[in-house]
Amino acid sequence: MIVKLVKNISEEDRFIIKDLKIGKDYEVIGIEADDYRIICDTDKEPYLYPFDCFKIVDDTKPSFWVTEFGEDGEEYSCPIKWNQVGFFEDYFDEVKEVKEQFWADYKKFYNNNSN
């Protein structure tokens, strides 16, 4: 799935995007509560960004994603190992095994990119 950043301020929550470039296409590596998980340009970390700042360029979702919907219909889609409760919380808490799992999966599934 490919999206283009079209604005850097989310209307929904006034979130300001400082680490992506307006007009650039980005590969979405997951969707959480309808927001997009994208590897940022500055520190190459997998952050969440508000969906309303992007235009969809290619809505094709990878076949290796699993998709679930929350109580209010919000979408959660990503590789199955990342779909565990607390996975990205552990990632950003610097849990070594989780970080290693993420980057191994990222290289496996998104081998056209590098970190």
N, C-alpha and C. Protein backbone atom coordinates (compact mmCIF):
# COMPACT_ATOMS: atom_id res chain seq x y z
N MET A 1 0.86 -1.17 0.00
CA MET A 1 0.00 0.00 0.00
C MET A 1 0.90 1.23 0.00
N ILE A 2 0.63 2.14 -0.91
CA ILE A 2 1.44 3.35 -1.05
C ILE A 2 0.55 4.57 -0.83
N VAL A 3 1.06 5.52 -0.04
CA VAL A 3 0.35 6.77 0.21
C VAL A 3 1.30 7.94 -0.04
N LYS A 4 0.71 9.09 -0.33
CA LYS A 4 1.48 10.32 -0.53
C LYS A 4 1.11 11.30 0.57
N LEU A 5 2.12 11.87 1.22
CA LEU A 5 1.86 12.90 2.23
C LEU A 5 1.42 14.17 1.52
N VAL A 6 0.21 14.65 1.83
CA VAL A 6 -0.32 15.83 1.17
C VAL A 6 -0.43 17.04 2.09
N LYS A 7 -0.35 16.79 3.40
CA LYS A 7 -0.34 17.90 4.36
C LYS A 7 0.33 17.40 5.64
N ASN A 8 0.87 18.32 6.41
CA ASN A 8 1.61 17.88 7.60
C ASN A 8 0.90 18.17 8.92
N ILE A 9 -0.35 18.61 8.85
CA ILE A 9 -1.12 18.82 10.08
C ILE A 9 -2.45 18.07 9.95
N SER A 10 -2.68 17.17 10.89
CA SER A 10 -3.91 16.38 10.90
C SER A 10 -5.07 17.25 11.37
N GLU A 11 -6.17 17.21 10.64
CA GLU A 11 -7.38 17.94 11.04
C GLU A 11 -7.99 17.33 12.29
N GLU A 12 -7.87 16.00 12.40
CA GLU A 12 -8.53 15.27 13.48
C GLU A 12 -7.94 15.60 14.85
N ASP A 13 -6.63 15.53 14.98
CA ASP A 13 -6.03 15.69 16.31
C ASP A 13 -4.93 16.74 16.36
N ARG A 14 -4.80 17.51 15.30
CA ARG A 14 -3.81 18.60 15.22
C ARG A 14 -2.37 18.10 15.36
N PHE A 15 -2.14 16.84 15.03
CA PHE A 15 -0.81 16.24 15.03
C PHE A 15 -0.01 16.87 13.91
N ILE A 16 1.22 17.28 14.19
CA ILE A 16 2.09 17.89 13.17
C ILE A 16 3.16 16.88 12.77
N ILE A 17 3.25 16.60 11.48
CA ILE A 17 4.24 15.67 10.96
C ILE A 17 5.48 16.45 10.54
N LYS A 18 6.60 16.17 11.21
CA LYS A 18 7.84 16.89 10.93
C LYS A 18 8.89 16.02 10.26
N ASP A 19 8.69 14.68 10.26
CA ASP A 19 9.76 13.79 9.81
C ASP A 19 9.46 13.08 8.49
N LEU A 20 8.45 13.56 7.75
CA LEU A 20 8.15 13.09 6.41
C LEU A 20 8.06 14.30 5.49
N LYS A 21 8.18 14.07 4.19
CA LYS A 21 8.18 15.17 3.22
C LYS A 21 6.86 15.23 2.45
N ILE A 22 6.26 16.40 2.42
CA ILE A 22 5.03 16.61 1.64
C ILE A 22 5.34 16.33 0.18
N GLY A 23 4.44 15.58 -0.45
CA GLY A 23 4.58 15.23 -1.86
C GLY A 23 5.32 13.92 -2.11
N LYS A 24 5.89 13.33 -1.08
CA LYS A 24 6.63 12.08 -1.22
C LYS A 24 5.71 10.89 -1.00
N ASP A 25 5.94 9.83 -1.78
CA ASP A 25 5.21 8.58 -1.60
C ASP A 25 5.88 7.75 -0.51
N TYR A 26 5.04 7.07 0.29
CA TYR A 26 5.52 6.22 1.38
C TYR A 26 4.82 4.88 1.34
N GLU A 27 5.56 3.83 1.67
CA GLU A 27 4.98 2.51 1.79
C GLU A 27 4.40 2.35 3.19
N VAL A 28 3.14 1.97 3.26
CA VAL A 28 2.49 1.71 4.54
C VAL A 28 2.85 0.29 4.93
N ILE A 29 3.40 0.13 6.15
CA ILE A 29 3.79 -1.20 6.60
C ILE A 29 2.80 -1.77 7.61
N GLY A 30 1.77 -0.99 7.92
CA GLY A 30 0.72 -1.45 8.81
C GLY A 30 -0.31 -0.36 9.01
N ILE A 31 -1.47 -0.75 9.47
CA ILE A 31 -2.55 0.19 9.77
C ILE A 31 -3.01 -0.12 11.18
N GLU A 32 -3.11 0.90 12.03
CA GLU A 32 -3.58 0.73 13.40
C GLU A 32 -4.59 1.80 13.72
N ALA A 33 -5.81 1.37 14.01
CA ALA A 33 -6.92 2.29 14.29
C ALA A 33 -7.04 3.30 13.15
N ASP A 34 -6.88 2.80 11.93
CA ASP A 34 -6.97 3.56 10.68
C ASP A 34 -5.76 4.44 10.39
N ASP A 35 -4.83 4.62 11.33
CA ASP A 35 -3.61 5.40 11.06
C ASP A 35 -2.58 4.51 10.38
N TYR A 36 -1.64 5.14 9.68
CA TYR A 36 -0.65 4.42 8.89
C TYR A 36 0.67 4.30 9.63
N ARG A 37 1.24 3.10 9.65
CA ARG A 37 2.58 2.90 10.18
C ARG A 37 3.54 2.97 8.99
N ILE A 38 4.49 3.92 9.11
CA ILE A 38 5.42 4.22 8.02
C ILE A 38 6.81 4.40 8.64
N ILE A 39 7.83 3.97 7.92
CA ILE A 39 9.21 4.22 8.36
C ILE A 39 9.50 5.69 8.07
N CYS A 40 9.84 6.44 9.12
CA CYS A 40 10.04 7.89 8.94
C CYS A 40 11.38 8.17 8.26
N ASP A 41 11.48 9.35 7.67
CA ASP A 41 12.67 9.74 6.94
C ASP A 41 13.85 10.05 7.85
N THR A 42 13.60 10.57 9.04
CA THR A 42 14.70 11.07 9.86
C THR A 42 15.45 9.99 10.62
N ASP A 43 14.78 9.25 11.49
CA ASP A 43 15.51 8.25 12.28
C ASP A 43 15.18 6.81 11.87
N LYS A 44 14.42 6.67 10.77
CA LYS A 44 14.11 5.35 10.20
C LYS A 44 13.39 4.44 11.19
N GLU A 45 12.49 4.99 11.97
CA GLU A 45 11.69 4.22 12.92
C GLU A 45 10.26 4.07 12.40
N PRO A 46 9.55 3.00 12.82
CA PRO A 46 8.19 2.72 12.32
C PRO A 46 7.11 3.45 13.13
N TYR A 47 6.88 4.71 12.81
CA TYR A 47 5.91 5.51 13.56
C TYR A 47 4.52 5.44 12.93
N LEU A 48 3.53 5.79 13.75
CA LEU A 48 2.16 5.93 13.26
C LEU A 48 1.91 7.38 12.86
N TYR A 49 1.17 7.53 11.76
CA TYR A 49 0.83 8.86 11.25
C TYR A 49 -0.66 8.91 10.95
N PRO A 50 -1.30 10.07 11.19
CA PRO A 50 -2.75 10.19 10.94
C PRO A 50 -3.08 10.02 9.46
N PHE A 51 -4.05 9.17 9.20
CA PHE A 51 -4.43 8.85 7.83
C PHE A 51 -4.89 10.06 7.04
N ASP A 52 -5.43 11.07 7.73
CA ASP A 52 -6.01 12.20 7.00
C ASP A 52 -4.97 13.15 6.42
N CYS A 53 -3.70 12.86 6.62
CA CYS A 53 -2.62 13.68 6.04
C CYS A 53 -2.13 13.09 4.71
N PHE A 54 -2.71 11.98 4.30
CA PHE A 54 -2.22 11.25 3.13
C PHE A 54 -3.30 11.06 2.09
N LYS A 55 -2.85 10.90 0.86
CA LYS A 55 -3.70 10.50 -0.26
C LYS A 55 -3.23 9.10 -0.65
N ILE A 56 -4.16 8.19 -0.85
CA ILE A 56 -3.79 6.83 -1.25
C ILE A 56 -3.39 6.84 -2.72
N VAL A 57 -2.19 6.32 -2.99
CA VAL A 57 -1.67 6.20 -4.35
C VAL A 57 -1.97 4.80 -4.89
N ASP A 58 -1.76 3.79 -4.05
CA ASP A 58 -2.05 2.40 -4.40
C ASP A 58 -2.62 1.72 -3.17
N ASP A 59 -3.87 1.29 -3.23
CA ASP A 59 -4.54 0.74 -2.05
C ASP A 59 -4.35 -0.78 -1.91
N THR A 60 -3.47 -1.36 -2.70
CA THR A 60 -3.22 -2.79 -2.63
C THR A 60 -2.52 -3.14 -1.32
N LYS A 61 -3.18 -3.97 -0.53
CA LYS A 61 -2.59 -4.39 0.75
C LYS A 61 -1.84 -5.70 0.54
N PRO A 62 -0.68 -5.82 1.17
CA PRO A 62 0.11 -7.04 1.00
C PRO A 62 -0.66 -8.29 1.43
N SER A 63 -0.42 -9.39 0.74
CA SER A 63 -1.11 -10.65 1.05
C SER A 63 -0.71 -11.21 2.41
N PHE A 64 0.43 -10.78 2.94
CA PHE A 64 0.90 -11.30 4.23
C PHE A 64 0.34 -10.52 5.42
N TRP A 65 -0.46 -9.50 5.18
CA TRP A 65 -1.11 -8.78 6.27
C TRP A 65 -2.30 -9.58 6.78
N VAL A 66 -2.53 -9.49 8.09
CA VAL A 66 -3.79 -9.95 8.67
C VAL A 66 -4.58 -8.70 9.01
N THR A 67 -5.87 -8.79 8.87
CA THR A 67 -6.72 -7.62 9.11
C THR A 67 -7.79 -7.95 10.14
N GLU A 68 -7.96 -7.04 11.09
CA GLU A 68 -9.02 -7.12 12.10
C GLU A 68 -9.67 -5.76 12.18
N PHE A 69 -10.87 -5.72 12.73
CA PHE A 69 -11.57 -4.46 12.91
C PHE A 69 -11.97 -4.32 14.37
N GLY A 70 -11.81 -3.11 14.90
CA GLY A 70 -12.16 -2.82 16.28
C GLY A 70 -13.65 -2.63 16.46
N GLU A 71 -14.04 -2.34 17.70
CA GLU A 71 -15.45 -2.17 18.05
C GLU A 71 -16.15 -1.09 17.24
N ASP A 72 -15.42 -0.05 16.87
CA ASP A 72 -16.01 1.06 16.11
C ASP A 72 -15.72 0.96 14.62
N GLY A 73 -15.25 -0.22 14.17
CA GLY A 73 -14.99 -0.42 12.76
C GLY A 73 -13.61 0.02 12.30
N GLU A 74 -12.75 0.44 13.24
CA GLU A 74 -11.42 0.88 12.86
C GLU A 74 -10.57 -0.32 12.42
N GLU A 75 -9.72 -0.08 11.45
CA GLU A 75 -8.93 -1.16 10.86
C GLU A 75 -7.59 -1.33 11.54
N TYR A 76 -7.19 -2.59 11.66
CA TYR A 76 -5.87 -2.99 12.13
C TYR A 76 -5.35 -4.02 11.13
N SER A 77 -4.30 -3.69 10.40
CA SER A 77 -3.74 -4.59 9.40
C SER A 77 -2.22 -4.51 9.45
N CYS A 78 -1.58 -5.68 9.45
CA CYS A 78 -0.12 -5.72 9.48
C CYS A 78 0.32 -7.18 9.40
N PRO A 79 1.64 -7.42 9.29
CA PRO A 79 2.13 -8.80 9.38
C PRO A 79 1.71 -9.41 10.72
N ILE A 80 1.41 -10.69 10.73
CA ILE A 80 0.79 -11.35 11.88
C ILE A 80 1.60 -11.19 13.18
N LYS A 81 2.91 -11.27 13.12
CA LYS A 81 3.70 -11.18 14.35
C LYS A 81 3.64 -9.78 14.97
N TRP A 82 3.36 -8.78 14.16
CA TRP A 82 3.26 -7.40 14.68
C TRP A 82 1.88 -7.14 15.27
N ASN A 83 0.96 -8.06 15.07
CA ASN A 83 -0.43 -7.88 15.48
C ASN A 83 -0.67 -8.27 16.93
N GLN A 84 0.37 -8.59 17.66
CA GLN A 84 0.24 -8.96 19.06
C GLN A 84 0.06 -7.70 19.91
N VAL A 85 -0.81 -7.78 20.90
CA VAL A 85 -1.03 -6.65 21.79
C VAL A 85 0.30 -6.27 22.44
N GLY A 86 0.65 -5.00 22.36
CA GLY A 86 1.86 -4.49 22.99
C GLY A 86 3.12 -4.61 22.16
N PHE A 87 3.03 -5.14 20.94
CA PHE A 87 4.24 -5.35 20.13
C PHE A 87 5.01 -4.04 19.93
N PHE A 88 4.34 -3.00 19.47
CA PHE A 88 5.07 -1.76 19.20
C PHE A 88 5.38 -0.99 20.48
N GLU A 89 4.60 -1.19 21.52
CA GLU A 89 4.98 -0.61 22.82
C GLU A 89 6.31 -1.21 23.26
N ASP A 90 6.45 -2.55 23.13
CA ASP A 90 7.71 -3.20 23.47
C ASP A 90 8.84 -2.73 22.55
N TYR A 91 8.52 -2.56 21.27
CA TYR A 91 9.52 -2.08 20.31
C TYR A 91 10.09 -0.74 20.79
N PHE A 92 9.22 0.19 21.12
CA PHE A 92 9.68 1.51 21.52
C PHE A 92 10.18 1.56 22.96
N ASP A 93 9.93 0.50 23.73
CA ASP A 93 10.54 0.35 25.06
C ASP A 93 11.90 -0.35 24.96
N GLU A 94 12.35 -0.54 23.71
CA GLU A 94 13.69 -1.10 23.44
C GLU A 94 13.83 -2.57 23.85
N VAL A 95 12.75 -3.34 23.77
CA VAL A 95 12.86 -4.78 24.04
C VAL A 95 13.60 -5.40 22.85
N LYS A 96 14.79 -5.91 23.13
CA LYS A 96 15.70 -6.36 22.08
C LYS A 96 15.08 -7.39 21.14
N GLU A 97 14.43 -8.41 21.69
CA GLU A 97 13.85 -9.47 20.87
C GLU A 97 12.77 -8.93 19.94
N VAL A 98 11.99 -7.98 20.42
CA VAL A 98 10.92 -7.40 19.61
C VAL A 98 11.51 -6.55 18.49
N LYS A 99 12.51 -5.75 18.80
CA LYS A 99 13.16 -4.94 17.76
C LYS A 99 13.79 -5.84 16.70
N GLU A 100 14.44 -6.92 17.14
CA GLU A 100 15.04 -7.85 16.19
C GLU A 100 13.97 -8.51 15.32
N GLN A 101 12.85 -8.90 15.94
CA GLN A 101 11.74 -9.51 15.19
C GLN A 101 11.20 -8.53 14.16
N PHE A 102 10.98 -7.28 14.58
CA PHE A 102 10.45 -6.28 13.64
C PHE A 102 11.37 -6.13 12.43
N TRP A 103 12.66 -5.90 12.67
CA TRP A 103 13.57 -5.63 11.55
C TRP A 103 13.79 -6.87 10.68
N ALA A 104 13.75 -8.06 11.27
CA ALA A 104 13.84 -9.28 10.46
C ALA A 104 12.61 -9.39 9.55
N ASP A 105 11.43 -9.16 10.12
CA ASP A 105 10.20 -9.20 9.33
C ASP A 105 10.20 -8.11 8.27
N TYR A 106 10.62 -6.93 8.66
CA TYR A 106 10.64 -5.80 7.72
C TYR A 106 11.52 -6.14 6.51
N LYS A 107 12.70 -6.65 6.77
CA LYS A 107 13.61 -7.00 5.67
C LYS A 107 13.04 -8.14 4.83
N LYS A 108 12.34 -9.07 5.46
CA LYS A 108 11.74 -10.19 4.74
C LYS A 108 10.59 -9.72 3.85
N PHE A 109 9.70 -8.92 4.42
CA PHE A 109 8.49 -8.52 3.70
C PHE A 109 8.66 -7.29 2.82
N TYR A 110 9.55 -6.41 3.22
CA TYR A 110 9.71 -5.15 2.50
C TYR A 110 11.15 -5.02 2.03
N ASN A 111 11.66 -6.07 1.37
CA ASN A 111 13.07 -6.12 1.00
C ASN A 111 13.50 -5.10 -0.03
N ASN A 112 12.55 -4.37 -0.60
CA ASN A 112 12.91 -3.31 -1.54
C ASN A 112 13.35 -2.05 -0.81
N ASN A 113 13.25 -2.05 0.51
CA ASN A 113 13.66 -0.91 1.32
C ASN A 113 14.84 -1.32 2.20
N SER A 114 15.50 -0.33 2.74
CA SER A 114 16.55 -0.61 3.74
C SER A 114 16.36 0.32 4.90
N ASN A 115 16.84 -0.08 6.07
CA ASN A 115 16.66 0.78 7.24
C ASN A 115 17.87 1.61 7.51
